């Protein structure tokens, strides 16, 4: 091998070692701490070059350190992308197995109640409470809940990242003594092509009769098309399995005095809309609703 070939081989070997070390540092301390550790070297290199009056030393040292910063950023970005990809694959796999288990032994829902608060900018705060029957020790102790996006504007990846959720599991005797439950979610689509966030709440070792599970979503821009007057929006429920009773409440902030804001019933039982201060509150409820039947209403805001 020529001298040039040996030099290139040695350089590649040292460079790979450097990348491995950087990857370990980023993994242990995080990119920001590594970045904070490299930045002072820029000042030291500039100070030495200034004191010694050697311009090429200052330029070379600073170039090397900037290269290290760029290399560290590339390693951190590649690691985050790879980790995110693995996490998404694991979640999809987990939910595929959970779907199969749910078909065999679902957690029966006794009562279902949802309160949706729509802010004036279209942000939605959703609180869904489910009272479940006991689940045997041999069954998979989890429940599945989803939230569908009905807006006409497409959802970007950034829009999806801004959606947050959490779950709480409480006993039936005192719902206030709830503890956070592990929950995982994946993005899928409905049969009609609507985006929806599927959430699985993993309930741990014991699920007793009357336990209450609360799932909360915060979805910026969920009803932005409606509140900006761009399109009407449907609010509905549909139950795939038997539910003893349900209640659905939607609160439209600041819409009580808006004469051009209208709601139209589309099969919602016991439909009521009323004014609460500056807000318009729409609710409907039923005992023993029919399975696989869509119940709800349409809201529209004509700003022009």
Protein backbone atom coordinates (compact mmCIF):
# COMPACT_ATOMS: atom_id res chain seq x y z
CA UNK A 1 0.00 0.00 0.00
CA UNK A 2 1.29 3.48 -0.86
CA UNK A 3 2.00 6.13 1.71
CA UNK A 4 -1.06 8.05 0.55
CA UNK A 5 -3.27 4.98 0.93
CA UNK A 6 -2.00 4.28 4.44
CA UNK A 7 -2.56 7.93 5.37
CA UNK A 8 -6.16 7.84 4.15
CA UNK A 9 -6.77 4.56 5.99
CA UNK A 10 -5.35 6.00 9.22
CA UNK A 11 -7.40 9.19 8.79
CA UNK A 12 -10.65 7.27 8.25
CA UNK A 13 -9.91 5.09 11.27
CA UNK A 14 -9.31 8.11 13.50
CA UNK A 15 -12.39 9.86 12.12
CA UNK A 16 -14.59 6.83 12.83
CA UNK A 17 -13.21 6.67 16.36
CA UNK A 18 -14.03 10.37 16.80
CA UNK A 19 -17.59 9.89 15.54
CA UNK A 20 -18.11 6.93 17.88
CA UNK A 21 -16.84 8.98 20.84
CA UNK A 22 -19.10 11.89 19.89
CA UNK A 23 -22.08 9.57 19.61
CA UNK A 24 -21.36 8.20 23.10
CA UNK A 25 -21.01 11.72 24.50
CA UNK A 26 -24.28 12.88 22.92
CA UNK A 27 -26.04 9.73 24.19
CA UNK A 28 -24.79 10.21 27.77
CA UNK A 29 -25.02 13.99 28.14
CA UNK A 30 -27.31 15.23 25.37
CA UNK A 31 -26.49 17.55 22.48
CA UNK A 32 -26.93 20.81 24.39
CA UNK A 33 -24.40 19.89 27.11
CA UNK A 34 -21.87 18.70 24.54
CA UNK A 35 -22.43 21.91 22.59
CA UNK A 36 -21.92 23.97 25.77
CA UNK A 37 -18.66 22.10 26.37
CA UNK A 38 -17.29 22.80 22.89
CA UNK A 39 -18.20 26.50 22.71
CA UNK A 40 -15.55 27.64 25.28
CA UNK A 41 -12.88 26.09 23.06
CA UNK A 42 -13.73 28.70 20.43
CA UNK A 43 -12.85 31.46 22.87
CA UNK A 44 -9.63 29.74 23.96
CA UNK A 45 -8.49 29.24 20.35
CA UNK A 46 -9.21 32.87 19.52
CA UNK A 47 -7.40 34.10 22.65
CA UNK A 48 -4.28 32.00 21.98
CA UNK A 49 -4.12 33.14 18.38
CA UNK A 50 -4.49 36.74 19.46
CA UNK A 51 -1.82 36.53 22.18
CA UNK A 52 0.67 34.71 19.98
CA UNK A 53 -0.16 36.82 16.96
CA UNK A 54 -0.44 33.78 14.75
CA UNK A 55 -3.41 34.20 12.43
CA UNK A 56 -3.17 30.74 10.87
CA UNK A 57 -3.23 29.10 14.32
CA UNK A 58 -6.37 31.00 15.26
CA UNK A 59 -8.02 30.21 11.94
CA UNK A 60 -7.05 26.52 12.00
CA UNK A 61 -8.10 25.96 15.61
CA UNK A 62 -11.41 27.69 15.13
CA UNK A 63 -12.04 25.77 11.88
CA UNK A 64 -11.43 22.46 13.67
CA UNK A 65 -13.76 23.38 16.52
CA UNK A 66 -16.51 24.53 14.13
CA UNK A 67 -16.09 21.23 12.28
CA UNK A 68 -16.50 19.40 15.60
CA UNK A 69 -19.71 21.36 16.27
CA UNK A 70 -21.14 20.47 12.87
CA UNK A 71 -20.11 16.84 13.27
CA UNK A 72 -21.68 16.67 16.75
CA UNK A 73 -24.91 18.22 15.43
CA UNK A 74 -25.01 15.70 12.56
CA UNK A 75 -24.46 12.79 14.98
CA UNK A 76 -27.19 14.08 17.31
CA UNK A 77 -29.64 14.58 14.45
CA UNK A 78 -28.95 11.12 12.99
CA UNK A 79 -29.32 9.52 16.43
CA UNK A 80 -32.60 11.31 17.12
CA UNK A 81 -34.01 10.38 13.70
CA UNK A 82 -33.00 6.74 14.12
CA UNK A 83 -34.39 6.60 17.66
CA UNK A 84 -37.66 8.22 16.53
CA UNK A 85 -37.99 5.76 13.67
CA UNK A 86 -37.47 2.78 16.00
CA UNK A 87 -39.97 4.21 18.48
CA UNK A 88 -42.63 4.65 15.77
CA UNK A 89 -42.11 1.08 14.53
CA UNK A 90 -42.37 -0.28 18.07
CA UNK A 91 -45.56 1.67 18.72
CA UNK A 92 -47.17 0.44 15.49
CA UNK A 93 -46.21 -3.13 16.37
CA UNK A 94 -47.55 -2.75 19.91
CA UNK A 95 -50.86 -1.39 18.65
CA UNK A 96 -51.23 -4.16 16.07
CA UNK A 97 -50.98 -6.75 18.85
CA UNK A 98 -53.25 -4.67 21.10
CA UNK A 99 -55.86 -4.53 18.30
CA UNK A 100 -55.88 -8.33 18.09
CA UNK A 101 -56.15 -8.72 21.86
CA UNK A 102 -58.92 -6.12 22.07
CA UNK A 103 -60.98 -8.09 19.55
CA UNK A 104 -60.82 -11.11 21.87
CA UNK A 105 -61.21 -9.55 25.30
CA UNK A 106 -62.19 -5.87 25.29
CA UNK A 107 -62.68 -3.81 28.41
CA UNK A 108 -66.44 -3.29 28.45
CA UNK A 109 -67.50 0.36 28.81
CA UNK A 110 -70.39 1.01 31.17
CA UNK A 111 -70.52 4.80 30.96
CA UNK A 112 -68.95 7.31 28.57
CA UNK A 113 -68.78 11.08 29.00
CA UNK A 114 -66.89 13.64 26.94
CA UNK A 115 -66.48 17.39 27.33
CA UNK A 116 -64.94 19.28 24.40
CA UNK A 117 -63.97 22.92 24.89
CA UNK A 118 -63.36 24.86 21.66
CA UNK A 119 -61.38 28.06 22.15
CA UNK A 120 -61.90 31.13 19.95
CA UNK A 121 -58.69 30.32 18.02
CA UNK A 122 -59.88 26.77 17.28
CA UNK A 123 -57.79 24.95 19.88
CA UNK A 124 -59.64 22.01 21.44
CA UNK A 125 -59.40 20.64 24.96
CA UNK A 126 -61.01 17.20 25.14
CA UNK A 127 -61.76 15.36 28.38
CA UNK A 128 -63.15 11.84 27.98
CA UNK A 129 -64.21 9.79 31.02
CA UNK A 130 -64.91 6.08 30.70
CA UNK A 131 -66.30 3.86 33.47
CA UNK A 132 -65.31 0.25 32.80
CA UNK A 133 -66.27 -3.20 34.00
CA UNK A 134 -63.75 -5.37 35.81
CA UNK A 135 -61.13 -7.07 33.63
CA UNK A 136 -60.01 -10.58 34.54
CA UNK A 137 -56.36 -11.35 35.28
CA UNK A 138 -56.06 -13.35 32.07
CA UNK A 139 -57.20 -10.51 29.82
CA UNK A 140 -55.14 -7.67 28.42
CA UNK A 141 -55.81 -4.74 30.73
CA UNK A 142 -55.98 -1.83 28.33
CA UNK A 143 -58.57 0.32 26.60
CA UNK A 144 -58.56 1.96 23.18
CA UNK A 145 -59.72 5.52 22.49
CA UNK A 146 -59.35 7.66 19.38
CA UNK A 147 -59.93 11.25 18.34
CA UNK A 148 -60.74 12.04 14.70
CA UNK A 149 -59.83 15.29 12.94
CA UNK A 150 -62.70 16.67 10.83
CA UNK A 151 -61.07 19.89 9.58
CA UNK A 152 -60.70 20.58 5.87
CA UNK A 153 -57.15 21.96 6.19
CA UNK A 154 -54.50 19.20 5.90
CA UNK A 155 -52.52 18.18 8.99
CA UNK A 156 -48.75 18.62 8.67
CA UNK A 157 -46.24 16.57 10.66
CA UNK A 158 -45.65 19.63 12.82
CA UNK A 159 -49.41 19.91 13.50
CA UNK A 160 -49.41 16.29 14.66
CA UNK A 161 -46.41 16.82 16.95
CA UNK A 162 -48.26 19.67 18.71
CA UNK A 163 -51.11 17.34 19.78
CA UNK A 164 -50.64 16.14 23.36
CA UNK A 165 -52.51 13.60 25.47
CA UNK A 166 -52.49 12.02 28.92
CA UNK A 167 -54.46 9.36 30.79
CA UNK A 168 -55.48 8.89 34.43
CA UNK A 169 -56.79 5.69 36.08
CA UNK A 170 -58.97 6.03 39.18
CA UNK A 171 -60.96 3.63 41.31
CA UNK A 172 -64.74 3.67 41.36
CA UNK A 173 -65.03 4.60 45.05
CA UNK A 174 -63.19 7.92 44.77
CA UNK A 175 -62.53 9.20 41.24
CA UNK A 176 -60.39 12.02 42.67
CA UNK A 177 -57.69 9.53 43.66
CA UNK A 178 -56.52 8.99 40.11
CA UNK A 179 -52.96 8.18 39.09
CA UNK A 180 -51.38 8.61 35.69
CA UNK A 181 -51.62 5.61 33.41
CA UNK A 182 -49.16 4.70 30.68
CA UNK A 183 -50.56 5.59 27.28
CA UNK A 184 -49.19 5.17 23.77
CA UNK A 185 -50.51 6.58 20.51
CA UNK A 186 -50.12 6.25 16.76
CA UNK A 187 -51.57 8.23 13.86
CA UNK A 188 -53.89 6.35 11.52
CA UNK A 189 -56.79 7.24 9.21
CA UNK A 190 -60.47 6.44 9.19
CA UNK A 191 -62.18 4.55 6.37
CA UNK A 192 -63.09 7.91 4.85
CA UNK A 193 -59.47 9.08 5.02
CA UNK A 194 -59.73 11.35 8.07
CA UNK A 195 -56.61 11.58 10.30
CA UNK A 196 -57.09 10.19 13.79
CA UNK A 197 -54.93 9.70 16.85
CA UNK A 198 -55.35 6.21 18.32
CA UNK A 199 -54.53 6.07 22.03
CA UNK A 200 -54.07 2.87 24.02
CA UNK A 201 -54.24 3.27 27.80
CA UNK A 202 -52.38 0.47 29.59
CA UNK A 203 -54.12 -0.07 32.90
CA UNK A 204 -51.58 -2.16 34.79
CA UNK A 205 -52.27 -5.08 37.10
CA UNK A 206 -55.78 -4.52 38.51
CA UNK A 207 -58.97 -3.18 36.90
CA UNK A 208 -62.03 -3.44 39.13
CA UNK A 209 -65.72 -2.90 38.51
CA UNK A 210 -66.52 0.80 38.14
CA UNK A 211 -62.95 2.00 37.62
CA UNK A 212 -62.78 5.35 35.82
CA UNK A 213 -60.29 6.11 33.05
CA UNK A 214 -59.87 9.74 31.94
CA UNK A 215 -58.11 10.65 28.70
CA UNK A 216 -57.29 14.26 27.89
CA UNK A 217 -56.21 15.68 24.56
CA UNK A 218 -54.97 19.17 23.78
CA UNK A 219 -55.20 19.77 20.04
CA UNK A 220 -54.19 23.24 18.73
CA UNK A 221 -56.10 24.15 15.59
CA UNK A 222 -58.51 21.22 15.88
CA UNK A 223 -61.51 23.44 15.00
CA UNK A 224 -59.63 26.33 13.40
CA UNK A 225 -61.59 26.01 10.14
CA UNK A 226 -64.88 26.29 12.04
CA UNK A 227 -63.87 29.21 14.27
CA UNK A 228 -62.32 31.12 11.35
CA UNK A 229 -65.50 30.73 9.32
CA UNK A 230 -63.89 28.58 6.63
CA UNK A 231 -66.02 25.45 6.98
CA UNK A 232 -68.73 23.77 9.04
CA UNK A 233 -67.75 20.97 11.44
CA UNK A 234 -69.51 17.84 12.64
CA UNK A 235 -69.43 16.70 16.27
CA UNK A 236 -70.62 13.15 16.75
CA UNK A 237 -70.14 9.83 18.55
CA UNK A 238 -70.42 6.23 17.47
CA UNK A 239 -70.12 3.17 19.70
CA UNK A 240 -68.90 -0.14 18.32
CA UNK A 241 -69.89 -2.06 21.46
CA UNK A 242 -72.66 -1.80 24.02
CA UNK A 243 -72.59 1.22 26.37
CA UNK A 244 -75.10 1.66 29.18
CA UNK A 245 -75.20 5.46 28.89
CA UNK A 246 -73.28 8.37 27.39
CA UNK A 247 -73.16 12.16 27.47
CA UNK A 248 -71.40 14.47 25.02
CA UNK A 249 -70.87 18.16 25.83
CA UNK A 250 -69.29 20.76 23.53
CA UNK A 251 -68.46 24.25 24.83
CA UNK A 252 -67.84 27.00 22.27
CA UNK A 253 -65.95 29.83 23.96
CA UNK A 254 -67.34 33.33 23.38
CA UNK A 255 -70.03 32.22 20.92
CA UNK A 256 -73.14 33.02 23.00
CA UNK A 257 -73.76 36.37 21.30
CA UNK A 258 -72.65 35.40 17.79
CA UNK A 259 -75.87 35.32 15.78
CA UNK A 260 -74.09 33.84 12.76
CA UNK A 261 -72.90 30.85 14.80
CA UNK A 262 -75.47 28.08 14.37
CA UNK A 263 -75.80 24.43 15.35
CA UNK A 264 -78.03 21.88 13.62
CA UNK A 265 -79.04 18.56 15.13
CA UNK A 266 -78.23 15.45 13.07
CA UNK A 267 -79.54 12.53 15.05
CA UNK A 268 -78.33 13.62 18.48
CA UNK A 269 -80.73 12.35 21.19
CA UNK A 270 -81.92 14.69 23.97
CA UNK A 271 -80.28 17.58 22.14
CA UNK A 272 -79.92 20.83 24.14
CA UNK A 273 -78.02 24.04 23.45
CA UNK A 274 -77.89 26.81 26.03
CA UNK A 275 -75.98 29.94 26.96
CA UNK A 276 -73.50 29.88 29.87
CA UNK A 277 -72.11 33.40 30.32
CA UNK A 278 -70.28 34.23 27.09
CA UNK A 279 -70.15 30.59 25.99
CA UNK A 280 -72.52 28.43 23.97
CA UNK A 281 -72.93 24.92 25.40
CA UNK A 282 -74.33 22.04 23.33
CA UNK A 283 -75.08 18.68 24.91
CA UNK A 284 -76.77 15.41 24.06
CA UNK A 285 -77.07 12.12 25.94
CA UNK A 286 -78.78 8.73 25.87
CA UNK A 287 -79.24 5.53 27.83
CA UNK A 288 -78.43 2.28 25.99
CA UNK A 289 -77.56 3.86 22.61
CA UNK A 290 -77.71 1.69 19.52
CA UNK A 291 -74.35 0.28 18.42
CA UNK A 292 -72.72 1.49 15.19
CA UNK A 293 -75.07 4.43 14.81
CA UNK A 294 -73.61 7.91 14.36
CA UNK A 295 -75.17 10.51 16.67
CA UNK A 296 -74.29 14.20 16.63
CA UNK A 297 -74.73 17.71 15.30
CA UNK A 298 -73.17 20.19 12.89
CA UNK A 299 -71.82 23.62 13.85
CA UNK A 300 -71.26 26.48 11.41
CA UNK A 301 -69.91 30.01 11.76
CA UNK A 302 -70.57 32.33 8.86
CA UNK A 303 -68.26 35.30 9.37
CA UNK A 304 -69.17 36.97 6.04
